[in-house]
Amino acid sequence: MVGAAPFTQHGLSLQAEPLTDAHGPLRLVWLHGWGQTRQSLRPLANALLRHGEAWLVDLPGHGSVPPPTAPCTPAAMASLLGAWLATLPPCPTLIIGHSMGFRVALHAAQQQLPELQGIVALGGAGVPRQLSPRTQLRRWAIARLMRLGHWAKPLAGEGLLNHLRRRFGSRDYLSCPADLRAMFVAVVSDDTTPLLPHLTTPALLLYGAEDEETPPDVGRTLARLLPRATLEILPHLNHYTILTHGQHVVQQRLQGWLKTLGA
């Protein structure tokens, strides 16, 4: 079995690591969330090796993969993933995405990647969260202030803009390396809502009941809009424990769903 290998196309790179020497009968491709690496999915992926070959993927700007030279959208990541998959022997494929990784899976389904049999969300992102009127008003006000900061930049320099970023920027945005912030904005701005009614790929949607990053309402919206979706809300789990403490229940739900697909 070879180790992790880089793949590059059109200036974007990923790194893919096979977990076994197996070929088929099913290919499971695991995609991590924002700020994570393929290591976050390794225990869960190892628990499901009985289904066939498995690949852990580091997406652009994560793990050992360098940041892209221009902001990279989930759609661009899906195209990169498809180009990499095209280098492998044909095999029925399942894409399993945590958080941001599921955005990529949705775009892969929209791009109709060959051999794609299903997509799985583990606290998957892809549609806007439901916000209270107060939160919506606050976000509108912050957006206006940021626009003012950009408008004043020729006169005031970066000082005002940097102050607004520190005061109102999200924790994830502020923790980003500077060369990934534009990519972060492109990722969190990605709204797949218009695509969803046209995606006929079967989808399993697993969400932790205590997830505050991608709460169950995100899963409910996806389940309502996707034509072939199965939604499960998992008690006592959050955005990250779904990958650790929830390993056994996720494994059960995924195996049961695979049986309905005949996999």
C-alpha atoms as a PDB file:
ATOM      1  CA  MET A   1       0.000   0.000   0.000  1.00  0.00           C
ATOM      2  CA  VAL A   2       1.387   3.403  -1.002  1.00  0.00           C
ATOM      3  CA  GLY A   3       1.304   6.402   1.329  1.00  0.00           C
ATOM      4  CA  ALA A   4      -0.447   9.714   0.889  1.00  0.00           C
ATOM      5  CA  ALA A   5       0.199  11.286  -2.504  1.00  0.00           C
ATOM      6  CA  PRO A   6      -0.433  14.809  -3.800  1.00  0.00           C
ATOM      7  CA  PHE A   7      -2.597  15.560  -6.813  1.00  0.00           C
ATOM      8  CA  THR A   8      -2.600  18.947  -8.555  1.00  0.00           C
ATOM      9  CA  GLN A   9      -4.743  20.438 -11.290  1.00  0.00           C
ATOM     10  CA  HIS A  10      -5.158  24.056 -12.393  1.00  0.00           C
ATOM     11  CA  GLY A  11      -3.133  25.322  -9.445  1.00  0.00           C
ATOM     12  CA  LEU A  12      -5.176  23.458  -6.810  1.00  0.00           C
ATOM     13  CA  SER A  13      -3.866  20.508  -4.832  1.00  0.00           C
ATOM     14  CA  LEU A  14      -5.151  17.774  -2.557  1.00  0.00           C
ATOM     15  CA  GLN A  15      -3.468  14.873  -0.804  1.00  0.00           C
ATOM     16  CA  ALA A  16      -5.044  11.419  -0.808  1.00  0.00           C
ATOM     17  CA  GLU A  17      -4.106   8.524   1.443  1.00  0.00           C
ATOM     18  CA  PRO A  18      -5.369   4.970   0.857  1.00  0.00           C
ATOM     19  CA  LEU A  19      -6.158   3.021   4.024  1.00  0.00           C
ATOM     20  CA  THR A  20      -5.993  -0.436   2.415  1.00  0.00           C
ATOM     21  CA  ASP A  21      -4.720  -2.184  -0.689  1.00  0.00           C
ATOM     22  CA  ALA A  22      -8.289  -3.191  -1.557  1.00  0.00           C
ATOM     23  CA  HIS A  23      -9.919  -2.264  -4.831  1.00  0.00           C
ATOM     24  CA  GLY A  24     -13.694  -2.056  -4.492  1.00  0.00           C
ATOM     25  CA  PRO A  25     -16.335  -3.274  -4.258  1.00  0.00           C
ATOM     26  CA  LEU A  26     -17.080   0.193  -2.837  1.00  0.00           C
ATOM     27  CA  ARG A  27     -14.834   3.258  -2.611  1.00  0.00           C
ATOM     28  CA  LEU A  28     -15.307   5.451   0.468  1.00  0.00           C
ATOM     29  CA  VAL A  29     -13.790   8.936   0.175  1.00  0.00           C
ATOM     30  CA  TRP A  30     -13.570  10.918   3.431  1.00  0.00           C
ATOM     31  CA  LEU A  31     -13.507  14.747   3.389  1.00  0.00           C
ATOM     32  CA  HIS A  32     -12.732  16.781   6.508  1.00  0.00           C
ATOM     33  CA  GLY A  33     -14.171  20.086   7.683  1.00  0.00           C
ATOM     34  CA  TRP A  34     -12.715  23.590   7.720  1.00  0.00           C
ATOM     35  CA  GLY A  35      -9.543  23.881   9.781  1.00  0.00           C
ATOM     36  CA  GLN A  36      -9.275  20.083  10.118  1.00  0.00           C
ATOM     37  CA  THR A  37      -7.222  17.458   8.302  1.00  0.00           C
ATOM     38  CA  ARG A  38      -7.784  13.915   7.140  1.00  0.00           C
ATOM     39  CA  GLN A  39      -6.600  12.736  10.574  1.00  0.00           C
ATOM     40  CA  SER A  40      -9.909  13.822  12.141  1.00  0.00           C
ATOM     41  CA  LEU A  41     -11.709  11.133  10.125  1.00  0.00           C
ATOM     42  CA  ARG A  42      -9.181   8.316  10.437  1.00  0.00           C
ATOM     43  CA  PRO A  43     -10.793   6.408  13.362  1.00  0.00           C
ATOM     44  CA  LEU A  44     -14.232   6.418  11.744  1.00  0.00           C
ATOM     45  CA  ALA A  45     -12.828   5.483   8.340  1.00  0.00           C
ATOM     46  CA  ASN A  46     -10.881   2.580   9.869  1.00  0.00           C
ATOM     47  CA  ALA A  47     -14.082   1.309  11.493  1.00  0.00           C
ATOM     48  CA  LEU A  48     -15.725   0.949   8.068  1.00  0.00           C
ATOM     49  CA  LEU A  49     -12.928  -0.741   6.135  1.00  0.00           C
ATOM     50  CA  ARG A  50     -14.982  -3.910   5.704  1.00  0.00           C
ATOM     51  CA  HIS A  51     -16.954  -2.186   2.944  1.00  0.00           C
ATOM     52  CA  GLY A  52     -13.985  -1.918   0.581  1.00  0.00           C
ATOM     53  CA  GLU A  53     -11.303   0.597  -0.221  1.00  0.00           C
ATOM     54  CA  ALA A  54     -11.086   3.858   1.705  1.00  0.00           C
ATOM     55  CA  TRP A  55      -9.323   7.153   1.069  1.00  0.00           C
ATOM     56  CA  LEU A  56      -8.601  10.020   3.437  1.00  0.00           C
ATOM     57  CA  VAL A  57      -8.232  13.346   1.637  1.00  0.00           C
ATOM     58  CA  ASP A  58      -6.620  16.624   2.706  1.00  0.00           C
ATOM     59  CA  LEU A  59      -8.348  19.447   0.831  1.00  0.00           C
ATOM     60  CA  PRO A  60      -6.590  22.602  -0.461  1.00  0.00           C
ATOM     61  CA  GLY A  61      -4.962  24.670   2.270  1.00  0.00           C
ATOM     62  CA  HIS A  62      -5.335  21.935   4.898  1.00  0.00           C
ATOM     63  CA  GLY A  63      -2.926  19.413   6.354  1.00  0.00           C
ATOM     64  CA  SER A  64       0.230  19.367   4.258  1.00  0.00           C
ATOM     65  CA  VAL A  65      -1.524  20.852   1.202  1.00  0.00           C
ATOM     66  CA  PRO A  66      -0.440  24.429   0.423  1.00  0.00           C
ATOM     67  CA  PRO A  67      -2.991  27.241   0.325  1.00  0.00           C
ATOM     68  CA  PRO A  68      -4.406  27.966  -3.129  1.00  0.00           C
ATOM     69  CA  THR A  69      -3.085  31.031  -4.929  1.00  0.00           C
ATOM     70  CA  ALA A  70      -6.643  32.334  -5.394  1.00  0.00           C
ATOM     71  CA  PRO A  71      -9.798  31.869  -3.281  1.00  0.00           C
ATOM     72  CA  CYS A  72     -11.008  28.295  -3.695  1.00  0.00           C
ATOM     73  CA  THR A  73     -14.725  27.491  -3.638  1.00  0.00           C
ATOM     74  CA  PRO A  74     -16.292  24.139  -2.707  1.00  0.00           C
ATOM     75  CA  ALA A  75     -17.299  23.760  -6.360  1.00  0.00           C
ATOM     76  CA  ALA A  76     -13.645  24.093  -7.392  1.00  0.00           C
ATOM     77  CA  MET A  77     -12.683  21.522  -4.745  1.00  0.00           C
ATOM     78  CA  ALA A  78     -15.310  19.143  -6.137  1.00  0.00           C
ATOM     79  CA  SER A  79     -13.865  19.547  -9.646  1.00  0.00           C
ATOM     80  CA  LEU A  80     -10.393  18.825  -8.264  1.00  0.00           C
ATOM     81  CA  LEU A  81     -11.729  15.777  -6.431  1.00  0.00           C
ATOM     82  CA  GLY A  82     -13.393  14.537  -9.615  1.00  0.00           C
ATOM     83  CA  ALA A  83     -10.175  14.918 -11.594  1.00  0.00           C
ATOM     84  CA  TRP A  84      -8.301  12.925  -8.947  1.00  0.00           C
ATOM     85  CA  LEU A  85     -10.960  10.188  -8.887  1.00  0.00           C
ATOM     86  CA  ALA A  86     -10.665   9.925 -12.675  1.00  0.00           C
ATOM     87  CA  THR A  87      -7.065   8.741 -12.194  1.00  0.00           C
ATOM     88  CA  LEU A  88      -8.292   5.688 -10.230  1.00  0.00           C
ATOM     89  CA  PRO A  89      -9.872   2.517 -11.620  1.00  0.00           C
ATOM     90  CA  PRO A  90     -13.676   2.854 -11.952  1.00  0.00           C
ATOM     91  CA  CYS A  91     -15.491   1.905  -8.752  1.00  0.00           C
ATOM     92  CA  PRO A  92     -18.839   2.778  -7.118  1.00  0.00           C
ATOM     93  CA  THR A  93     -18.016   5.699  -4.856  1.00  0.00           C
ATOM     94  CA  LEU A  94     -19.402   7.159  -1.647  1.00  0.00           C
ATOM     95  CA  ILE A  95     -18.277  10.623  -0.493  1.00  0.00           C
ATOM     96  CA  ILE A  96     -18.508  11.227   3.259  1.00  0.00           C
ATOM     97  CA  GLY A  97     -18.057  14.848   4.316  1.00  0.00           C
ATOM     98  CA  HIS A  98     -17.762  16.469   7.722  1.00  0.00           C
ATOM     99  CA  SER A  99     -18.938  20.104   7.801  1.00  0.00           C
ATOM    100  CA  MET A 100     -17.204  21.828   4.831  1.00  0.00           C
ATOM    101  CA  GLY A 101     -16.455  18.417   3.333  1.00  0.00           C
ATOM    102  CA  PHE A 102     -20.167  17.914   2.713  1.00  0.00           C
ATOM    103  CA  ARG A 103     -20.319  21.174   0.742  1.00  0.00           C
ATOM    104  CA  VAL A 104     -17.773  19.559  -1.574  1.00  0.00           C
ATOM    105  CA  ALA A 105     -19.848  16.366  -1.711  1.00  0.00           C
ATOM    106  CA  LEU A 106     -22.945  18.336  -2.740  1.00  0.00           C
ATOM    107  CA  HIS A 107     -21.040  20.009  -5.571  1.00  0.00           C
ATOM    108  CA  ALA A 108     -19.634  16.625  -6.599  1.00  0.00           C
ATOM    109  CA  ALA A 109     -23.223  15.377  -6.899  1.00  0.00           C
ATOM    110  CA  GLN A 110     -24.174  18.484  -8.886  1.00  0.00           C
ATOM    111  CA  GLN A 111     -21.230  17.888 -11.234  1.00  0.00           C
ATOM    112  CA  GLN A 112     -22.408  14.276 -11.631  1.00  0.00           C
ATOM    113  CA  LEU A 113     -19.043  12.725 -10.912  1.00  0.00           C
ATOM    114  CA  PRO A 114     -18.870   9.302 -12.569  1.00  0.00           C
ATOM    115  CA  GLU A 115     -19.454   6.320 -10.246  1.00  0.00           C
ATOM    116  CA  LEU A 116     -20.869   8.485  -7.429  1.00  0.00           C
ATOM    117  CA  GLN A 117     -23.453   6.321  -5.639  1.00  0.00           C
ATOM    118  CA  GLY A 118     -24.173   8.410  -2.547  1.00  0.00           C
ATOM    119  CA  ILE A 119     -23.107  11.257  -0.275  1.00  0.00           C
ATOM    120  CA  VAL A 120     -23.057  11.361   3.529  1.00  0.00           C
ATOM    121  CA  ALA A 121     -23.143  14.396   5.817  1.00  0.00           C
ATOM    122  CA  LEU A 122     -21.519  14.298   9.237  1.00  0.00           C
ATOM    123  CA  GLY A 123     -22.729  17.641  10.564  1.00  0.00           C
ATOM    124  CA  GLY A 124     -22.605  18.788   6.968  1.00  0.00           C
ATOM    125  CA  ALA A 125     -22.756  22.416   5.853  1.00  0.00           C
ATOM    126  CA  GLY A 126     -24.211  23.753   2.619  1.00  0.00           C
ATOM    127  CA  VAL A 127     -27.237  25.909   3.406  1.00  0.00           C
ATOM    128  CA  PRO A 128     -27.611  29.028   5.578  1.00  0.00           C
ATOM    129  CA  ARG A 129     -28.482  28.541   9.226  1.00  0.00           C
ATOM    130  CA  GLN A 130     -31.830  29.778  10.470  1.00  0.00           C
ATOM    131  CA  LEU A 131     -31.159  33.053  12.300  1.00  0.00           C
ATOM    132  CA  SER A 132     -33.259  35.059  14.707  1.00  0.00           C
ATOM    133  CA  PRO A 133     -34.371  38.544  13.550  1.00  0.00           C
ATOM    134  CA  ARG A 134     -31.936  40.066  16.051  1.00  0.00           C
ATOM    135  CA  THR A 135     -29.007  38.075  14.648  1.00  0.00           C
ATOM    136  CA  GLN A 136     -30.006  38.945  11.092  1.00  0.00           C
ATOM    137  CA  LEU A 137     -30.094  42.657  11.997  1.00  0.00           C
ATOM    138  CA  ARG A 138     -26.692  42.419  13.667  1.00  0.00           C
ATOM    139  CA  ARG A 139     -25.171  40.724  10.626  1.00  0.00           C
ATOM    140  CA  TRP A 140     -26.674  43.370   8.349  1.00  0.00           C
ATOM    141  CA  ALA A 141     -25.183  46.130  10.498  1.00  0.00           C
ATOM    142  CA  ILE A 142     -21.749  44.468  10.554  1.00  0.00           C
ATOM    143  CA  ALA A 143     -21.821  44.074   6.765  1.00  0.00           C
ATOM    144  CA  ARG A 144     -22.581  47.808   6.421  1.00  0.00           C
ATOM    145  CA  LEU A 145     -19.725  48.688   8.759  1.00  0.00           C
ATOM    146  CA  MET A 146     -17.302  46.454   6.840  1.00  0.00           C
ATOM    147  CA  ARG A 147     -18.401  48.095   3.595  1.00  0.00           C
ATOM    148  CA  LEU A 148     -17.702  51.475   5.178  1.00  0.00           C
ATOM    149  CA  GLY A 149     -14.251  50.257   6.214  1.00  0.00           C
ATOM    150  CA  HIS A 150     -13.451  49.224   2.654  1.00  0.00           C
ATOM    151  CA  TRP A 151     -14.785  52.553   1.328  1.00  0.00           C
ATOM    152  CA  ALA A 152     -12.605  54.494   3.800  1.00  0.00           C
ATOM    153  CA  LYS A 153      -9.470  52.468   3.093  1.00  0.00           C
ATOM    154  CA  PRO A 154      -7.929  54.977   0.631  1.00  0.00           C
ATOM    155  CA  LEU A 155      -8.210  57.676   3.327  1.00  0.00           C
ATOM    156  CA  ALA A 156      -7.749  55.769   6.577  1.00  0.00           C
ATOM    157  CA  GLY A 157      -5.587  52.880   5.400  1.00  0.00           C
ATOM    158  CA  GLU A 158      -6.034  49.408   6.899  1.00  0.00           C
ATOM    159  CA  GLY A 159      -6.455  50.651  10.477  1.00  0.00           C
ATOM    160  CA  LEU A 160     -10.242  50.979  10.543  1.00  0.00           C
ATOM    161  CA  LEU A 161     -10.769  47.798   8.549  1.00  0.00           C
ATOM    162  CA  ASN A 162      -8.469  45.795  10.826  1.00  0.00           C
ATOM    163  CA  HIS A 163     -10.246  47.167  13.898  1.00  0.00           C
ATOM    164  CA  LEU A 164     -13.626  46.085  12.486  1.00  0.00           C
ATOM    165  CA  ARG A 165     -12.262  42.637  11.645  1.00  0.00           C
ATOM    166  CA  ARG A 166     -10.956  42.160  15.183  1.00  0.00           C
ATOM    167  CA  ARG A 167     -14.178  43.466  16.708  1.00  0.00           C
ATOM    168  CA  PHE A 168     -16.717  41.645  14.546  1.00  0.00           C
ATOM    169  CA  GLY A 169     -14.901  38.858  12.702  1.00  0.00           C
ATOM    170  CA  SER A 170     -15.953  35.283  13.514  1.00  0.00           C
ATOM    171  CA  ARG A 171     -13.708  33.103  15.629  1.00  0.00           C
ATOM    172  CA  ASP A 172     -12.977  30.866  12.627  1.00  0.00           C
ATOM    173  CA  TYR A 173     -12.140  33.876  10.442  1.00  0.00           C
ATOM    174  CA  LEU A 174      -9.801  35.383  13.029  1.00  0.00           C
ATOM    175  CA  SER A 175      -8.041  32.066  13.618  1.00  0.00           C
ATOM    176  CA  CYS A 176      -7.391  31.643   9.873  1.00  0.00           C
ATOM    177  CA  PRO A 177      -3.898  32.255   8.547  1.00  0.00           C
ATOM    178  CA  ALA A 178      -3.991  35.424   6.464  1.00  0.00           C
ATOM    179  CA  ASP A 179      -3.474  33.500   3.230  1.00  0.00           C
ATOM    180  CA  LEU A 180      -6.604  31.391   3.877  1.00  0.00           C
ATOM    181  CA  ARG A 181      -9.050  34.138   4.876  1.00  0.00           C
ATOM    182  CA  ALA A 182     -10.272  34.801   1.341  1.00  0.00           C
ATOM    183  CA  MET A 183     -10.828  31.078   0.894  1.00  0.00           C
ATOM    184  CA  PHE A 184     -12.696  30.923   4.219  1.00  0.00           C
ATOM    185  CA  VAL A 185     -15.057  33.665   3.044  1.00  0.00           C
ATOM    186  CA  ALA A 186     -15.613  31.835  -0.258  1.00  0.00           C
ATOM    187  CA  VAL A 187     -16.424  28.619   1.612  1.00  0.00           C
ATOM    188  CA  VAL A 188     -18.847  30.024   4.190  1.00  0.00           C
ATOM    189  CA  SER A 189     -20.561  32.133   1.504  1.00  0.00           C
ATOM    190  CA  ASP A 190     -21.294  29.029  -0.574  1.00  0.00           C
ATOM    191  CA  ASP A 191     -25.064  28.426  -0.603  1.00  0.00           C
ATOM    192  CA  THR A 192     -26.082  25.219  -2.357  1.00  0.00           C
ATOM    193  CA  THR A 193     -29.836  25.833  -1.907  1.00  0.00           C
ATOM    194  CA  PRO A 194     -30.551  26.350  -5.651  1.00  0.00           C
ATOM    195  CA  LEU A 195     -28.782  23.084  -6.513  1.00  0.00           C
ATOM    196  CA  LEU A 196     -30.476  20.799  -4.031  1.00  0.00           C
ATOM    197  CA  PRO A 197     -33.834  20.031  -5.712  1.00  0.00           C
ATOM    198  CA  HIS A 198     -31.940  18.814  -8.791  1.00  0.00           C
ATOM    199  CA  LEU A 199     -29.583  16.410  -6.976  1.00  0.00           C
ATOM    200  CA  THR A 200     -30.824  12.847  -7.337  1.00  0.00           C
ATOM    201  CA  THR A 201     -27.828  11.205  -5.639  1.00  0.00           C
ATOM    202  CA  PRO A 202     -28.937   9.408  -2.443  1.00  0.00           C
ATOM    203  CA  ALA A 203     -27.882  11.302   0.689  1.00  0.00           C
ATOM    204  CA  LEU A 204     -27.564  10.252   4.320  1.00  0.00           C
ATOM    205  CA  LEU A 205     -27.665  13.238   6.684  1.00  0.00           C
ATOM    206  CA  LEU A 206     -26.297  12.671  10.198  1.00  0.00           C
ATOM    207  CA  TYR A 207     -26.403  15.579  12.667  1.00  0.00           C
ATOM    208  CA  GLY A 208     -25.610  15.839  16.356  1.00  0.00           C
ATOM    209  CA  ALA A 209     -28.565  17.086  18.388  1.00  0.00           C
ATOM    210  CA  GLU A 210     -26.195  19.421  20.272  1.00  0.00           C
ATOM    211  CA  ASP A 211     -24.317  20.704  17.212  1.00  0.00           C
ATOM    212  CA  GLU A 212     -24.052  24.502  17.356  1.00  0.00           C
ATOM    213  CA  GLU A 213     -21.837  24.883  14.265  1.00  0.00           C
ATOM    214  CA  THR A 214     -24.151  23.125  11.796  1.00  0.00           C
ATOM    215  CA  PRO A 215     -27.267  22.556  13.928  1.00  0.00           C
ATOM    216  CA  PRO A 216     -29.984  20.022  13.146  1.00  0.00           C
ATOM    217  CA  ASP A 217     -32.011  22.732  11.368  1.00  0.00           C
ATOM    218  CA  VAL A 218     -29.351  22.658   8.633  1.00  0.00           C
ATOM    219  CA  GLY A 219     -29.979  18.934   8.218  1.00  0.00           C
ATOM    220  CA  ARG A 220     -33.734  19.475   8.172  1.00  0.00           C
ATOM    221  CA  THR A 221     -33.417  22.057   5.407  1.00  0.00           C
ATOM    222  CA  LEU A 222     -31.210  19.730   3.375  1.00  0.00           C
ATOM    223  CA  ALA A 223     -33.610  16.827   3.932  1.00  0.00           C
ATOM    224  CA  ARG A 224     -36.550  18.953   2.764  1.00  0.00           C
ATOM    225  CA  LEU A 225     -34.816  20.076  -0.442  1.00  0.00           C
ATOM    226  CA  LEU A 226     -32.871  16.971  -1.478  1.00  0.00           C
ATOM    227  CA  PRO A 227     -35.065  14.490  -3.396  1.00  0.00           C
ATOM    228  CA  ARG A 228     -33.458  11.332  -1.948  1.00  0.00           C
ATOM    229  CA  ALA A 229     -32.333  12.220   1.573  1.00  0.00           C
ATOM    230  CA  THR A 230     -32.449  10.286   4.848  1.00  0.00           C
ATOM    231  CA  LEU A 231     -32.055  12.427   7.979  1.00  0.00           C
ATOM    232  CA  GLU A 232     -30.944  11.171  11.399  1.00  0.00           C
ATOM    233  CA  ILE A 233     -30.555  13.447  14.451  1.00  0.00           C
ATOM    234  CA  LEU A 234     -28.142  11.778  16.876  1.00  0.00           C
ATOM    235  CA  PRO A 235     -28.721  12.517  20.588  1.00  0.00           C
ATOM    236  CA  HIS A 236     -26.005  13.970  22.854  1.00  0.00           C
ATOM    237  CA  LEU A 237     -23.525  14.632  20.037  1.00  0.00           C
ATOM    238  CA  ASN A 238     -22.094  17.922  18.780  1.00  0.00           C
ATOM    239  CA  HIS A 239     -20.143  19.056  15.736  1.00  0.00           C
ATOM    240  CA  TYR A 240     -16.970  17.257  16.769  1.00  0.00           C
ATOM    241  CA  THR A 241     -18.065  14.411  19.047  1.00  0.00           C
ATOM    242  CA  ILE A 242     -20.043  12.987  16.129  1.00  0.00           C
ATOM    243  CA  LEU A 243     -16.603  11.892  14.861  1.00  0.00           C
ATOM    244  CA  THR A 244     -15.374  10.497  18.195  1.00  0.00           C
ATOM    245  CA  HIS A 245     -17.951   9.568  20.848  1.00  0.00           C
ATOM    246  CA  GLY A 246     -20.490   9.031  18.092  1.00  0.00           C
ATOM    247  CA  GLN A 247     -18.349   6.636  16.107  1.00  0.00           C
ATOM    248  CA  HIS A 248     -20.391   3.544  16.961  1.00  0.00           C
ATOM    249  CA  VAL A 249     -23.801   5.064  16.202  1.00  0.00           C
ATOM    250  CA  VAL A 250     -22.542   6.693  12.993  1.00  0.00           C
ATOM    251  CA  GLN A 251     -21.140   3.330  11.927  1.00  0.00           C
ATOM    252  CA  GLN A 252     -24.520   1.661  12.593  1.00  0.00           C
ATOM    253  CA  ARG A 253     -26.513   4.287  10.703  1.00  0.00           C
ATOM    254  CA  LEU A 254     -24.133   4.243   7.745  1.00  0.00           C
ATOM    255  CA  GLN A 255     -24.095   0.472   7.492  1.00  0.00           C
ATOM    256  CA  GLY A 256     -27.897   0.305   7.611  1.00  0.00           C
ATOM    257  CA  TRP A 257     -28.184   2.966   4.911  1.00  0.00           C
ATOM    258  CA  LEU A 258     -25.676   1.182   2.698  1.00  0.00           C
ATOM    259  CA  LYS A 259     -27.910  -1.899   2.808  1.00  0.00           C
ATOM    260  CA  THR A 260     -30.794   0.151   1.398  1.00  0.00           C
ATOM    261  CA  LEU A 261     -28.504   1.096  -1.482  1.00  0.00           C
ATOM    262  CA  GLY A 262     -27.555  -2.520  -2.043  1.00  0.00           C
ATOM    263  CA  ALA A 263     -23.908  -1.745  -1.195  1.00  0.00           C
END
